[in-house]
Amino acid sequence: MKKNNLYYAVIFTSTQTKDVEGYTEMAIQMEHLAKKQKGFLGMESARNDIGITVSYWESLEAIKNWKQQTDHLVAQQKGRTNWYHWYKVRICKVEREYEFFN
């Protein structure tokens, strides 16, 4: 992540349907593709009852470009029709960060 500079986080929370065939493969493909996008800074993800993926971006323009990327549009459509019962996207400006490491 960028230290001491503002950047953005896209928080994607979701619940899945029972039919998740092909989901894992698509998620891996999207992660690899996102890493190649201009302005991409990193990603963190966890899934239990709900899934949470947070991706980090240099700018709102980079987020907009990712949302409109052709292969990502296909994945979004498959998510809505096949894999997700519900999802929510939040876009946030990260003004400060700190961490603990033991």
PDB file of N, CA and C in Angstrom:
ATOM      1  N   MET A   1       0.834  -1.181   0.000  1.00  0.00           N
ATOM      2  CA  MET A   1       0.000   0.000   0.000  1.00  0.00           C
ATOM      3  C   MET A   1       0.877   1.242   0.000  1.00  0.00           C
ATOM      4  N   LYS A   2       0.286   2.322  -0.382  1.00  0.00           N
ATOM      5  CA  LYS A   2       0.997   3.594  -0.376  1.00  0.00           C
ATOM      6  C   LYS A   2       1.077   4.108   1.059  1.00  0.00           C
ATOM      7  N   LYS A   3       2.221   4.506   1.478  1.00  0.00           N
ATOM      8  CA  LYS A   3       2.406   5.064   2.823  1.00  0.00           C
ATOM      9  C   LYS A   3       2.318   6.585   2.749  1.00  0.00           C
ATOM     10  N   ASN A   4       1.577   7.163   3.678  1.00  0.00           N
ATOM     11  CA  ASN A   4       1.465   8.614   3.829  1.00  0.00           C
ATOM     12  C   ASN A   4       0.814   9.323   2.645  1.00  0.00           C
ATOM     13  N   ASN A   5       0.168   8.627   1.765  1.00  0.00           N
ATOM     14  CA  ASN A   5      -0.584   9.240   0.676  1.00  0.00           C
ATOM     15  C   ASN A   5      -2.014   8.716   0.723  1.00  0.00           C
ATOM     16  N   LEU A   6      -2.929   9.497   0.243  1.00  0.00           N
ATOM     17  CA  LEU A   6      -4.308   9.036   0.165  1.00  0.00           C
ATOM     18  C   LEU A   6      -4.443   8.025  -0.959  1.00  0.00           C
ATOM     19  N   TYR A   7      -5.271   7.038  -0.734  1.00  0.00           N
ATOM     20  CA  TYR A   7      -5.610   6.071  -1.772  1.00  0.00           C
ATOM     21  C   TYR A   7      -7.018   5.584  -1.475  1.00  0.00           C
ATOM     22  N   TYR A   8      -7.525   4.677  -2.276  1.00  0.00           N
ATOM     23  CA  TYR A   8      -8.917   4.250  -2.174  1.00  0.00           C
ATOM     24  C   TYR A   8      -9.015   2.754  -1.947  1.00  0.00           C
ATOM     25  N   ALA A   9     -10.063   2.381  -1.227  1.00  0.00           N
ATOM     26  CA  ALA A   9     -10.372   0.972  -0.989  1.00  0.00           C
ATOM     27  C   ALA A   9     -11.755   0.684  -1.560  1.00  0.00           C
ATOM     28  N   VAL A  10     -11.865  -0.421  -2.296  1.00  0.00           N
ATOM     29  CA  VAL A  10     -13.153  -0.915  -2.762  1.00  0.00           C
ATOM     30  C   VAL A  10     -13.462  -2.137  -1.910  1.00  0.00           C
ATOM     31  N   ILE A  11     -14.532  -2.045  -1.127  1.00  0.00           N
ATOM     32  CA  ILE A  11     -14.921  -3.129  -0.224  1.00  0.00           C
ATOM     33  C   ILE A  11     -16.117  -3.845  -0.852  1.00  0.00           C
ATOM     34  N   PHE A  12     -15.911  -5.107  -1.203  1.00  0.00           N
ATOM     35  CA  PHE A  12     -16.944  -5.924  -1.831  1.00  0.00           C
ATOM     36  C   PHE A  12     -17.354  -7.001  -0.835  1.00  0.00           C
ATOM     37  N   THR A  13     -18.587  -6.918  -0.334  1.00  0.00           N
ATOM     38  CA  THR A  13     -19.105  -7.942   0.579  1.00  0.00           C
ATOM     39  C   THR A  13     -20.218  -8.695  -0.146  1.00  0.00           C
ATOM     40  N   SER A  14     -20.321 -10.006   0.115  1.00  0.00           N
ATOM     41  CA  SER A  14     -21.288 -10.815  -0.636  1.00  0.00           C
ATOM     42  C   SER A  14     -21.685 -12.064   0.124  1.00  0.00           C
ATOM     43  N   THR A  15     -22.840 -12.592  -0.264  1.00  0.00           N
ATOM     44  CA  THR A  15     -23.241 -13.950   0.104  1.00  0.00           C
ATOM     45  C   THR A  15     -23.452 -14.705  -1.204  1.00  0.00           C
ATOM     46  N   GLN A  16     -23.084 -15.975  -1.189  1.00  0.00           N
ATOM     47  CA  GLN A  16     -23.140 -16.771  -2.408  1.00  0.00           C
ATOM     48  C   GLN A  16     -24.401 -17.626  -2.488  1.00  0.00           C
ATOM     49  N   THR A  17     -24.731 -17.994  -3.724  1.00  0.00           N
ATOM     50  CA  THR A  17     -25.779 -18.977  -3.949  1.00  0.00           C
ATOM     51  C   THR A  17     -25.196 -20.360  -3.673  1.00  0.00           C
ATOM     52  N   LYS A  18     -26.010 -21.374  -3.784  1.00  0.00           N
ATOM     53  CA  LYS A  18     -25.527 -22.741  -3.590  1.00  0.00           C
ATOM     54  C   LYS A  18     -24.700 -23.229  -4.779  1.00  0.00           C
ATOM     55  N   ASP A  19     -24.958 -22.690  -5.971  1.00  0.00           N
ATOM     56  CA  ASP A  19     -24.248 -23.100  -7.183  1.00  0.00           C
ATOM     57  C   ASP A  19     -23.056 -22.182  -7.413  1.00  0.00           C
ATOM     58  N   VAL A  20     -21.870 -22.621  -7.011  1.00  0.00           N
ATOM     59  CA  VAL A  20     -20.670 -21.806  -7.172  1.00  0.00           C
ATOM     60  C   VAL A  20     -19.681 -22.426  -8.163  1.00  0.00           C
ATOM     61  N   GLU A  21     -20.195 -23.298  -9.026  1.00  0.00           N
ATOM     62  CA  GLU A  21     -19.332 -23.929 -10.022  1.00  0.00           C
ATOM     63  C   GLU A  21     -18.660 -22.863 -10.882  1.00  0.00           C
ATOM     64  N   GLY A  22     -17.333 -22.928 -10.955  1.00  0.00           N
ATOM     65  CA  GLY A  22     -16.560 -21.990 -11.754  1.00  0.00           C
ATOM     66  C   GLY A  22     -16.161 -20.721 -11.017  1.00  0.00           C
ATOM     67  N   TYR A  23     -16.697 -20.529  -9.810  1.00  0.00           N
ATOM     68  CA  TYR A  23     -16.434 -19.288  -9.066  1.00  0.00           C
ATOM     69  C   TYR A  23     -14.956 -19.150  -8.699  1.00  0.00           C
ATOM     70  N   THR A  24     -14.373 -20.185  -8.120  1.00  0.00           N
ATOM     71  CA  THR A  24     -12.985 -20.106  -7.662  1.00  0.00           C
ATOM     72  C   THR A  24     -12.046 -19.783  -8.811  1.00  0.00           C
ATOM     73  N   GLU A  25     -12.250 -20.446  -9.930  1.00  0.00           N
ATOM     74  CA  GLU A  25     -11.408 -20.199 -11.097  1.00  0.00           C
ATOM     75  C   GLU A  25     -11.532 -18.754 -11.575  1.00  0.00           C
ATOM     76  N   MET A  26     -12.763 -18.242 -11.597  1.00  0.00           N
ATOM     77  CA  MET A  26     -12.976 -16.858 -12.031  1.00  0.00           C
ATOM     78  C   MET A  26     -12.358 -15.884 -11.033  1.00  0.00           C
ATOM     79  N   ALA A  27     -12.483 -16.158  -9.749  1.00  0.00           N
ATOM     80  CA  ALA A  27     -11.903 -15.281  -8.730  1.00  0.00           C
ATOM     81  C   ALA A  27     -10.386 -15.201  -8.882  1.00  0.00           C
ATOM     82  N   ILE A  28      -9.757 -16.326  -9.136  1.00  0.00           N
ATOM     83  CA  ILE A  28      -8.300 -16.354  -9.345  1.00  0.00           C
ATOM     84  C   ILE A  28      -7.940 -15.554 -10.598  1.00  0.00           C
ATOM     85  N   GLN A  29      -8.688 -15.756 -11.653  1.00  0.00           N
ATOM     86  CA  GLN A  29      -8.450 -15.024 -12.898  1.00  0.00           C
ATOM     87  C   GLN A  29      -8.603 -13.518 -12.691  1.00  0.00           C
ATOM     88  N   MET A  30      -9.627 -13.104 -11.954  1.00  0.00           N
ATOM     89  CA  MET A  30      -9.855 -11.674 -11.721  1.00  0.00           C
ATOM     90  C   MET A  30      -8.754 -11.073 -10.851  1.00  0.00           C
ATOM     91  N   GLU A  31      -8.271 -11.824  -9.881  1.00  0.00           N
ATOM     92  CA  GLU A  31      -7.173 -11.322  -9.049  1.00  0.00           C
ATOM     93  C   GLU A  31      -5.922 -11.089  -9.897  1.00  0.00           C
ATOM     94  N   HIS A  32      -5.588 -12.042 -10.756  1.00  0.00           N
ATOM     95  CA  HIS A  32      -4.424 -11.880 -11.641  1.00  0.00           C
ATOM     96  C   HIS A  32      -4.605 -10.688 -12.580  1.00  0.00           C
ATOM     97  N   LEU A  33      -5.810 -10.533 -13.101  1.00  0.00           N
ATOM     98  CA  LEU A  33      -6.098  -9.428 -14.010  1.00  0.00           C
ATOM     99  C   LEU A  33      -6.047  -8.085 -13.286  1.00  0.00           C
ATOM    100  N   ALA A  34      -6.595  -8.020 -12.086  1.00  0.00           N
ATOM    101  CA  ALA A  34      -6.582  -6.773 -11.315  1.00  0.00           C
ATOM    102  C   ALA A  34      -5.151  -6.319 -11.048  1.00  0.00           C
ATOM    103  N   LYS A  35      -4.271  -7.267 -10.744  1.00  0.00           N
ATOM    104  CA  LYS A  35      -2.870  -6.934 -10.460  1.00  0.00           C
ATOM    105  C   LYS A  35      -2.180  -6.271 -11.651  1.00  0.00           C
ATOM    106  N   LYS A  36      -2.692  -6.479 -12.845  1.00  0.00           N
ATOM    107  CA  LYS A  36      -2.101  -5.895 -14.056  1.00  0.00           C
ATOM    108  C   LYS A  36      -2.652  -4.505 -14.380  1.00  0.00           C
ATOM    109  N   GLN A  37      -3.689  -4.083 -13.653  1.00  0.00           N
ATOM    110  CA  GLN A  37      -4.351  -2.823 -13.960  1.00  0.00           C
ATOM    111  C   GLN A  37      -3.562  -1.638 -13.417  1.00  0.00           C
ATOM    112  N   LYS A  38      -3.515  -0.585 -14.203  1.00  0.00           N
ATOM    113  CA  LYS A  38      -2.865   0.652 -13.774  1.00  0.00           C
ATOM    114  C   LYS A  38      -3.598   1.178 -12.542  1.00  0.00           C
ATOM    115  N   GLY A  39      -2.831   1.508 -11.507  1.00  0.00           N
ATOM    116  CA  GLY A  39      -3.409   2.052 -10.291  1.00  0.00           C
ATOM    117  C   GLY A  39      -3.746   1.030  -9.226  1.00  0.00           C
ATOM    118  N   PHE A  40      -3.588  -0.273  -9.516  1.00  0.00           N
ATOM    119  CA  PHE A  40      -3.867  -1.310  -8.524  1.00  0.00           C
ATOM    120  C   PHE A  40      -2.752  -1.328  -7.488  1.00  0.00           C
ATOM    121  N   LEU A  41      -3.133  -1.401  -6.193  1.00  0.00           N
ATOM    122  CA  LEU A  41      -2.151  -1.385  -5.113  1.00  0.00           C
ATOM    123  C   LEU A  41      -2.092  -2.680  -4.306  1.00  0.00           C
ATOM    124  N   GLY A  42      -3.200  -3.424  -4.248  1.00  0.00           N
ATOM    125  CA  GLY A  42      -3.207  -4.644  -3.459  1.00  0.00           C
ATOM    126  C   GLY A  42      -4.612  -5.137  -3.209  1.00  0.00           C
ATOM    127  N   MET A  43      -4.693  -6.305  -2.543  1.00  0.00           N
ATOM    128  CA  MET A  43      -5.995  -6.924  -2.308  1.00  0.00           C
ATOM    129  C   MET A  43      -5.916  -7.827  -1.079  1.00  0.00           C
ATOM    130  N   GLU A  44      -7.028  -7.875  -0.334  1.00  0.00           N
ATOM    131  CA  GLU A  44      -7.176  -8.782   0.800  1.00  0.00           C
ATOM    132  C   GLU A  44      -8.563  -9.402   0.710  1.00  0.00           C
ATOM    133  N   SER A  45      -8.671 -10.687   1.082  1.00  0.00           N
ATOM    134  CA  SER A  45      -9.955 -11.360   0.910  1.00  0.00           C
ATOM    135  C   SER A  45     -10.157 -12.424   1.985  1.00  0.00           C
ATOM    136  N   ALA A  46     -11.428 -12.618   2.384  1.00  0.00           N
ATOM    137  CA  ALA A  46     -11.796 -13.670   3.330  1.00  0.00           C
ATOM    138  C   ALA A  46     -13.223 -14.107   3.023  1.00  0.00           C
ATOM    139  N   ARG A  47     -13.526 -15.396   3.250  1.00  0.00           N
ATOM    140  CA  ARG A  47     -14.877 -15.888   3.018  1.00  0.00           C
ATOM    141  C   ARG A  47     -15.237 -16.910   4.078  1.00  0.00           C
ATOM    142  N   ASN A  48     -16.358 -16.666   4.743  1.00  0.00           N
ATOM    143  CA  ASN A  48     -17.016 -17.621   5.623  1.00  0.00           C
ATOM    144  C   ASN A  48     -18.498 -17.550   5.282  1.00  0.00           C
ATOM    145  N   ASP A  49     -19.322 -17.095   6.207  1.00  0.00           N
ATOM    146  CA  ASP A  49     -20.742 -16.912   5.903  1.00  0.00           C
ATOM    147  C   ASP A  49     -20.935 -15.815   4.860  1.00  0.00           C
ATOM    148  N   ILE A  50     -20.123 -14.760   4.977  1.00  0.00           N
ATOM    149  CA  ILE A  50     -20.108 -13.725   3.940  1.00  0.00           C
ATOM    150  C   ILE A  50     -18.682 -13.611   3.424  1.00  0.00           C
ATOM    151  N   GLY A  51     -18.554 -13.167   2.198  1.00  0.00           N
ATOM    152  CA  GLY A  51     -17.239 -12.926   1.631  1.00  0.00           C
ATOM    153  C   GLY A  51     -16.930 -11.445   1.702  1.00  0.00           C
ATOM    154  N   ILE A  52     -15.678 -11.139   1.968  1.00  0.00           N
ATOM    155  CA  ILE A  52     -15.222  -9.755   1.978  1.00  0.00           C
ATOM    156  C   ILE A  52     -13.922  -9.691   1.189  1.00  0.00           C
ATOM    157  N   THR A  53     -13.925  -8.877   0.152  1.00  0.00           N
ATOM    158  CA  THR A  53     -12.713  -8.611  -0.599  1.00  0.00           C
ATOM    159  C   THR A  53     -12.514  -7.105  -0.618  1.00  0.00           C
ATOM    160  N   VAL A  54     -11.311  -6.693  -0.246  1.00  0.00           N
ATOM    161  CA  VAL A  54     -10.965  -5.279  -0.277  1.00  0.00           C
ATOM    162  C   VAL A  54      -9.819  -5.122  -1.267  1.00  0.00           C
ATOM    163  N   SER A  55     -10.037  -4.305  -2.283  1.00  0.00           N
ATOM    164  CA  SER A  55      -8.958  -3.988  -3.210  1.00  0.00           C
ATOM    165  C   SER A  55      -8.591  -2.523  -3.032  1.00  0.00           C
ATOM    166  N   TYR A  56      -7.316  -2.220  -3.268  1.00  0.00           N
ATOM    167  CA  TYR A  56      -6.788  -0.878  -3.025  1.00  0.00           C
ATOM    168  C   TYR A  56      -6.304  -0.280  -4.341  1.00  0.00           C
ATOM    169  N   TRP A  57      -6.615   1.004  -4.527  1.00  0.00           N
ATOM    170  CA  TRP A  57      -6.375   1.680  -5.797  1.00  0.00           C
ATOM    171  C   TRP A  57      -5.818   3.079  -5.584  1.00  0.00           C
ATOM    172  N   GLU A  58      -5.027   3.532  -6.526  1.00  0.00           N
ATOM    173  CA  GLU A  58      -4.423   4.862  -6.454  1.00  0.00           C
ATOM    174  C   GLU A  58      -5.442   5.982  -6.631  1.00  0.00           C
ATOM    175  N   SER A  59      -6.501   5.732  -7.407  1.00  0.00           N
ATOM    176  CA  SER A  59      -7.419   6.825  -7.744  1.00  0.00           C
ATOM    177  C   SER A  59      -8.817   6.293  -8.047  1.00  0.00           C
ATOM    178  N   LEU A  60      -9.772   7.211  -8.034  1.00  0.00           N
ATOM    179  CA  LEU A  60     -11.135   6.857  -8.450  1.00  0.00           C
ATOM    180  C   LEU A  60     -11.166   6.493  -9.927  1.00  0.00           C
ATOM    181  N   GLU A  61     -10.323   7.110 -10.723  1.00  0.00           N
ATOM    182  CA  GLU A  61     -10.256   6.775 -12.148  1.00  0.00           C
ATOM    183  C   GLU A  61      -9.794   5.335 -12.357  1.00  0.00           C
ATOM    184  N   ALA A  62      -8.814   4.885 -11.582  1.00  0.00           N
ATOM    185  CA  ALA A  62      -8.344   3.502 -11.676  1.00  0.00           C
ATOM    186  C   ALA A  62      -9.463   2.527 -11.317  1.00  0.00           C
ATOM    187  N   ILE A  63     -10.261   2.869 -10.303  1.00  0.00           N
ATOM    188  CA  ILE A  63     -11.401   2.031  -9.911  1.00  0.00           C
ATOM    189  C   ILE A  63     -12.431   1.977 -11.039  1.00  0.00           C
ATOM    190  N   LYS A  64     -12.719   3.120 -11.624  1.00  0.00           N
ATOM    191  CA  LYS A  64     -13.683   3.181 -12.730  1.00  0.00           C
ATOM    192  C   LYS A  64     -13.206   2.333 -13.908  1.00  0.00           C
ATOM    193  N   ASN A  65     -11.924   2.437 -14.230  1.00  0.00           N
ATOM    194  CA  ASN A  65     -11.373   1.648 -15.340  1.00  0.00           C
ATOM    195  C   ASN A  65     -11.454   0.155 -15.057  1.00  0.00           C
ATOM    196  N   TRP A  66     -11.192  -0.256 -13.822  1.00  0.00           N
ATOM    197  CA  TRP A  66     -11.298  -1.663 -13.448  1.00  0.00           C
ATOM    198  C   TRP A  66     -12.743  -2.147 -13.567  1.00  0.00           C
ATOM    199  N   LYS A  67     -13.687  -1.350 -13.090  1.00  0.00           N
ATOM    200  CA  LYS A  67     -15.093  -1.738 -13.165  1.00  0.00           C
ATOM    201  C   LYS A  67     -15.526  -1.945 -14.610  1.00  0.00           C
ATOM    202  N   GLN A  68     -14.957  -1.184 -15.535  1.00  0.00           N
ATOM    203  CA  GLN A  68     -15.354  -1.239 -16.943  1.00  0.00           C
ATOM    204  C   GLN A  68     -14.461  -2.154 -17.791  1.00  0.00           C
ATOM    205  N   GLN A  69     -13.481  -2.823 -17.181  1.00  0.00           N
ATOM    206  CA  GLN A  69     -12.593  -3.714 -17.924  1.00  0.00           C
ATOM    207  C   GLN A  69     -13.421  -4.884 -18.479  1.00  0.00           C
ATOM    208  N   THR A  70     -13.212  -5.238 -19.730  1.00  0.00           N
ATOM    209  CA  THR A  70     -14.065  -6.185 -20.453  1.00  0.00           C
ATOM    210  C   THR A  70     -14.217  -7.535 -19.739  1.00  0.00           C
ATOM    211  N   ASP A  71     -13.123  -8.166 -19.362  1.00  0.00           N
ATOM    212  CA  ASP A  71     -13.209  -9.471 -18.690  1.00  0.00           C
ATOM    213  C   ASP A  71     -13.860  -9.342 -17.314  1.00  0.00           C
ATOM    214  N   HIS A  72     -13.631  -8.224 -16.653  1.00  0.00           N
ATOM    215  CA  HIS A  72     -14.254  -7.993 -15.359  1.00  0.00           C
ATOM    216  C   HIS A  72     -15.763  -7.805 -15.515  1.00  0.00           C
ATOM    217  N   LEU A  73     -16.199  -7.174 -16.596  1.00  0.00           N
ATOM    218  CA  LEU A  73     -17.637  -7.038 -16.865  1.00  0.00           C
ATOM    219  C   LEU A  73     -18.296  -8.410 -17.008  1.00  0.00           C
ATOM    220  N   VAL A  74     -17.617  -9.334 -17.688  1.00  0.00           N
ATOM    221  CA  VAL A  74     -18.130 -10.704 -17.840  1.00  0.00           C
ATOM    222  C   VAL A  74     -18.253 -11.368 -16.469  1.00  0.00           C
ATOM    223  N   ALA A  75     -17.219 -11.218 -15.637  1.00  0.00           N
ATOM    224  CA  ALA A  75     -17.245 -11.809 -14.296  1.00  0.00           C
ATOM    225  C   ALA A  75     -18.370 -11.205 -13.457  1.00  0.00           C
ATOM    226  N   GLN A  76     -18.581  -9.899 -13.569  1.00  0.00           N
ATOM    227  CA  GLN A  76     -19.665  -9.252 -12.828  1.00  0.00           C
ATOM    228  C   GLN A  76     -21.018  -9.838 -13.224  1.00  0.00           C
ATOM    229  N   GLN A  77     -21.226 -10.028 -14.508  1.00  0.00           N
ATOM    230  CA  GLN A  77     -22.495 -10.578 -14.987  1.00  0.00           C
ATOM    231  C   GLN A  77     -22.697 -12.008 -14.485  1.00  0.00           C
ATOM    232  N   LYS A  78     -21.647 -12.819 -14.547  1.00  0.00           N
ATOM    233  CA  LYS A  78     -21.744 -14.193 -14.039  1.00  0.00           C
ATOM    234  C   LYS A  78     -22.018 -14.193 -12.540  1.00  0.00           C
ATOM    235  N   GLY A  79     -21.430 -13.246 -11.834  1.00  0.00           N
ATOM    236  CA  GLY A  79     -21.685 -13.134 -10.396  1.00  0.00           C
ATOM    237  C   GLY A  79     -23.146 -12.859 -10.112  1.00  0.00           C
ATOM    238  N   ARG A  80     -23.724 -11.929 -10.865  1.00  0.00           N
ATOM    239  CA  ARG A  80     -25.136 -11.585 -10.646  1.00  0.00           C
ATOM    240  C   ARG A  80     -26.070 -12.725 -11.038  1.00  0.00           C
ATOM    241  N   THR A  81     -25.763 -13.443 -12.115  1.00  0.00           N
ATOM    242  CA  THR A  81     -26.677 -14.483 -12.586  1.00  0.00           C
ATOM    243  C   THR A  81     -26.432 -15.848 -11.944  1.00  0.00           C
ATOM    244  N   ASN A  82     -25.198 -16.128 -11.482  1.00  0.00           N
ATOM    245  CA  ASN A  82     -24.874 -17.472 -11.008  1.00  0.00           C
ATOM    246  C   ASN A  82     -24.452 -17.562  -9.546  1.00  0.00           C
ATOM    247  N   TRP A  83     -23.557 -16.709  -9.097  1.00  0.00           N
ATOM    248  CA  TRP A  83     -22.824 -16.975  -7.867  1.00  0.00           C
ATOM    249  C   TRP A  83     -23.268 -16.196  -6.642  1.00  0.00           C
ATOM    250  N   TYR A  84     -23.854 -15.018  -6.819  1.00  0.00           N
ATOM    251  CA  TYR A  84     -24.163 -14.188  -5.659  1.00  0.00           C
ATOM    252  C   TYR A  84     -25.656 -14.124  -5.385  1.00  0.00           C
ATOM    253  N   HIS A  85     -25.987 -14.347  -4.133  1.00  0.00           N
ATOM    254  CA  HIS A  85     -27.351 -14.113  -3.661  1.00  0.00           C
ATOM    255  C   HIS A  85     -27.522 -12.619  -3.391  1.00  0.00           C
ATOM    256  N   TRP A  86     -26.454 -12.004  -2.856  1.00  0.00           N
ATOM    257  CA  TRP A  86     -26.458 -10.584  -2.489  1.00  0.00           C
ATOM    258  C   TRP A  86     -25.024 -10.077  -2.512  1.00  0.00           C
ATOM    259  N   TYR A  87     -24.849  -8.815  -2.885  1.00  0.00           N
ATOM    260  CA  TYR A  87     -23.552  -8.169  -2.688  1.00  0.00           C
ATOM    261  C   TYR A  87     -23.725  -6.675  -2.514  1.00  0.00           C
ATOM    262  N   LYS A  88     -22.693  -6.068  -1.937  1.00  0.00           N
ATOM    263  CA  LYS A  88     -22.648  -4.620  -1.748  1.00  0.00           C
ATOM    264  C   LYS A  88     -21.221  -4.170  -2.021  1.00  0.00           C
ATOM    265  N   VAL A  89     -21.091  -3.014  -2.683  1.00  0.00           N
ATOM    266  CA  VAL A  89     -19.782  -2.426  -2.965  1.00  0.00           C
ATOM    267  C   VAL A  89     -19.715  -1.070  -2.277  1.00  0.00           C
ATOM    268  N   ARG A  90     -18.620  -0.856  -1.585  1.00  0.00           N
ATOM    269  CA  ARG A  90     -18.373   0.435  -0.942  1.00  0.00           C
ATOM    270  C   ARG A  90     -17.021   0.946  -1.435  1.00  0.00           C
ATOM    271  N   ILE A  91     -16.948   2.218  -1.765  1.00  0.00           N
ATOM    272  CA  ILE A  91     -15.691   2.827  -2.188  1.00  0.00           C
ATOM    273  C   ILE A  91     -15.340   3.886  -1.154  1.00  0.00           C
ATOM    274  N   CYS A  92     -14.154   3.749  -0.583  1.00  0.00           N
ATOM    275  CA  CYS A  92     -13.748   4.599   0.533  1.00  0.00           C
ATOM    276  C   CYS A  92     -12.385   5.225   0.268  1.00  0.00           C
ATOM    277  N   LYS A  93     -12.206   6.439   0.757  1.00  0.00           N
ATOM    278  CA  LYS A  93     -10.892   7.071   0.719  1.00  0.00           C
ATOM    279  C   LYS A  93     -10.155   6.675   1.998  1.00  0.00           C
ATOM    280  N   VAL A  94      -8.951   6.154   1.854  1.00  0.00           N
ATOM    281  CA  VAL A  94      -8.128   5.789   2.997  1.00  0.00           C
ATOM    282  C   VAL A  94      -7.236   6.990   3.296  1.00  0.00           C
ATOM    283  N   GLU A  95      -7.446   7.563   4.451  1.00  0.00           N
ATOM    284  CA  GLU A  95      -6.697   8.759   4.820  1.00  0.00           C
ATOM    285  C   GLU A  95      -5.503   8.459   5.711  1.00  0.00           C
ATOM    286  N   ARG A  96      -5.560   7.325   6.391  1.00  0.00           N
ATOM    287  CA  ARG A  96      -4.487   6.967   7.309  1.00  0.00           C
ATOM    288  C   ARG A  96      -4.487   5.467   7.459  1.00  0.00           C
ATOM    289  N   GLU A  97      -3.329   4.902   7.717  1.00  0.00           N
ATOM    290  CA  GLU A  97      -3.227   3.473   8.001  1.00  0.00           C
ATOM    291  C   GLU A  97      -2.149   3.238   9.032  1.00  0.00           C
ATOM    292  N   TYR A  98      -2.286   2.159   9.774  1.00  0.00           N
ATOM    293  CA  TYR A  98      -1.231   1.698  10.674  1.00  0.00           C
ATOM    294  C   TYR A  98      -1.442   0.216  10.851  1.00  0.00           C
ATOM    295  N   GLU A  99      -0.422  -0.470  11.330  1.00  0.00           N
ATOM    296  CA  GLU A  99      -0.540  -1.911  11.504  1.00  0.00           C
ATOM    297  C   GLU A  99       0.296  -2.384  12.675  1.00  0.00           C
ATOM    298  N   PHE A 100      -0.011  -3.568  13.120  1.00  0.00           N
ATOM    299  CA  PHE A 100       0.748  -4.260  14.167  1.00  0.00           C
ATOM    300  C   PHE A 100       1.274  -5.546  13.562  1.00  0.00           C
ATOM    301  N   PHE A 101       2.486  -5.870  13.846  1.00  0.00           N
ATOM    302  CA  PHE A 101       3.063  -7.135  13.389  1.00  0.00           C
ATOM    303  C   PHE A 101       3.879  -7.706  14.538  1.00  0.00           C
ATOM    304  N   ASN A 102       3.647  -8.959  14.897  1.00  0.00           N
ATOM    305  CA  ASN A 102       4.331  -9.587  16.006  1.00  0.00           C
ATOM    306  C   ASN A 102       5.288 -10.630  15.505  1.00  0.00           C
TER     307      ASN A 102
END
